[in-house]
């Protein structure tokens, strides 16, 4: 009976000892600062004007960065750029830019039918 009590108390003490270990919380993550914002907006505006054959009444409605990877071998940023023509908002252009020189890697219209 004494052995059982000793074993149980040892387990109880070790449980509290391990529970008391503090896990360090990661430092507050810094907010990502977009690098190629202007290039993505310019590319979307050029593509939109070519697609609609006009620049009259063209305005930028919204730009959101939806993905980014800052990798040593070459990172990228993905933006959704929403443009309006004569007050009518169109589906966004999705522009992918390379962080190396802010070149346009690809573009698409993911919500277009």
Protein backbone atom coordinates (compact mmCIF):
# COMPACT_ATOMS: atom_id res chain seq x y z
CA UNK A 1 0.00 0.00 0.00
CA UNK A 2 2.89 2.36 0.81
CA UNK A 3 4.48 1.65 -2.55
CA UNK A 4 1.25 2.47 -4.34
CA UNK A 5 0.96 5.75 -2.44
CA UNK A 6 4.57 6.63 -3.22
CA UNK A 7 4.11 5.85 -6.91
CA UNK A 8 0.88 7.83 -7.13
CA UNK A 9 2.34 10.82 -5.31
CA UNK A 10 5.41 10.71 -7.57
CA UNK A 11 3.20 10.69 -10.64
CA UNK A 12 1.14 13.54 -9.24
CA UNK A 13 4.22 15.64 -8.45
CA UNK A 14 5.78 14.96 -11.86
CA UNK A 15 2.51 15.92 -13.56
CA UNK A 16 2.54 19.28 -11.81
CA UNK A 17 6.24 19.73 -12.54
CA UNK A 18 5.72 19.21 -16.28
CA UNK A 19 2.57 21.30 -16.28
CA UNK A 20 4.46 24.19 -14.74
CA UNK A 21 6.84 24.38 -17.69
CA UNK A 22 6.00 27.52 -19.54
CA UNK A 23 5.82 27.48 -23.27
CA UNK A 24 7.15 30.69 -24.67
CA UNK A 25 4.65 32.41 -26.89
CA UNK A 26 6.04 33.49 -30.24
CA UNK A 27 6.76 37.17 -30.55
CA UNK A 28 3.92 39.13 -32.08
CA UNK A 29 4.16 38.66 -35.81
CA UNK A 30 4.97 41.74 -37.76
CA UNK A 31 2.46 42.64 -40.41
CA UNK A 32 3.69 41.88 -43.91
CA UNK A 33 4.54 44.96 -45.93
CA UNK A 34 3.75 44.49 -49.65
CA UNK A 35 6.68 45.05 -51.97
CA UNK A 36 5.19 45.05 -55.48
CA UNK A 37 1.86 46.81 -54.83
CA UNK A 38 2.28 49.54 -57.48
CA UNK A 39 3.41 47.11 -60.18
CA UNK A 40 0.42 44.83 -59.57
CA UNK A 41 -2.02 47.76 -59.77
CA UNK A 42 -0.43 49.08 -62.96
CA UNK A 43 -0.51 45.63 -64.57
CA UNK A 44 -4.19 45.15 -63.69
CA UNK A 45 -5.10 48.56 -65.07
CA UNK A 46 -3.23 47.91 -68.33
CA UNK A 47 -4.83 44.47 -68.73
CA UNK A 48 -8.28 45.87 -67.96
CA UNK A 49 -7.91 48.69 -70.47
CA UNK A 50 -6.68 46.28 -73.16
CA UNK A 51 -9.54 43.89 -72.43
CA UNK A 52 -12.18 46.64 -72.55
CA UNK A 53 -10.45 48.80 -75.18
CA UNK A 54 -10.92 51.96 -73.13
CA UNK A 55 -9.37 53.98 -70.32
CA UNK A 56 -12.17 56.52 -70.01
CA UNK A 57 -13.99 56.22 -66.69
CA UNK A 58 -11.49 53.68 -65.33
CA UNK A 59 -10.96 53.78 -61.56
CA UNK A 60 -9.30 51.57 -58.96
CA UNK A 61 -11.80 50.20 -56.43
CA UNK A 62 -9.84 47.83 -54.19
CA UNK A 63 -6.45 46.13 -53.90
CA UNK A 64 -5.87 43.23 -51.52
CA UNK A 65 -2.82 41.09 -51.05
CA UNK A 66 -4.09 37.54 -50.70
CA UNK A 67 -0.85 35.55 -50.54
CA UNK A 68 2.85 36.15 -50.15
CA UNK A 69 5.97 34.06 -49.74
CA UNK A 70 9.30 35.66 -49.02
CA UNK A 71 11.56 32.73 -49.84
CA UNK A 72 15.34 32.97 -50.32
CA UNK A 73 15.13 31.26 -53.73
CA UNK A 74 12.55 33.71 -54.99
CA UNK A 75 9.37 34.89 -53.37
CA UNK A 76 6.09 36.07 -54.76
CA UNK A 77 3.01 38.14 -53.93
CA UNK A 78 -0.54 37.60 -55.15
CA UNK A 79 -2.94 40.53 -55.38
CA UNK A 80 -6.63 40.84 -56.20
CA UNK A 81 -7.21 44.17 -57.95
CA UNK A 82 -10.81 45.33 -58.42
CA UNK A 83 -11.42 47.97 -61.07
CA UNK A 84 -14.57 49.90 -61.98
CA UNK A 85 -15.45 51.23 -65.40
CA UNK A 86 -18.00 54.05 -65.51
CA UNK A 87 -19.21 53.14 -62.01
CA UNK A 88 -19.64 49.41 -62.73
CA UNK A 89 -17.39 47.20 -60.59
CA UNK A 90 -15.83 44.25 -62.38
CA UNK A 91 -14.48 40.99 -61.02
CA UNK A 92 -10.92 41.23 -59.76
CA UNK A 93 -7.80 40.58 -61.70
CA UNK A 94 -5.48 38.27 -59.78
CA UNK A 95 -1.89 39.36 -60.36
CA UNK A 96 1.12 37.32 -59.19
CA UNK A 97 4.38 39.25 -58.92
CA UNK A 98 7.91 38.07 -58.30
CA UNK A 99 9.71 39.74 -55.42
CA UNK A 100 12.86 39.71 -57.54
CA UNK A 101 12.44 42.86 -59.62
CA UNK A 102 8.64 43.00 -59.13
CA UNK A 103 8.01 41.32 -62.47
CA UNK A 104 4.56 39.98 -63.31
CA UNK A 105 4.56 36.18 -63.20
CA UNK A 106 0.92 35.57 -64.06
CA UNK A 107 -2.54 37.06 -64.13
CA UNK A 108 -6.03 35.62 -64.14
CA UNK A 109 -9.65 36.47 -63.63
CA UNK A 110 -10.67 33.78 -61.12
CA UNK A 111 -14.31 34.82 -60.72
CA UNK A 112 -15.15 35.43 -64.38
CA UNK A 113 -17.66 33.07 -66.00
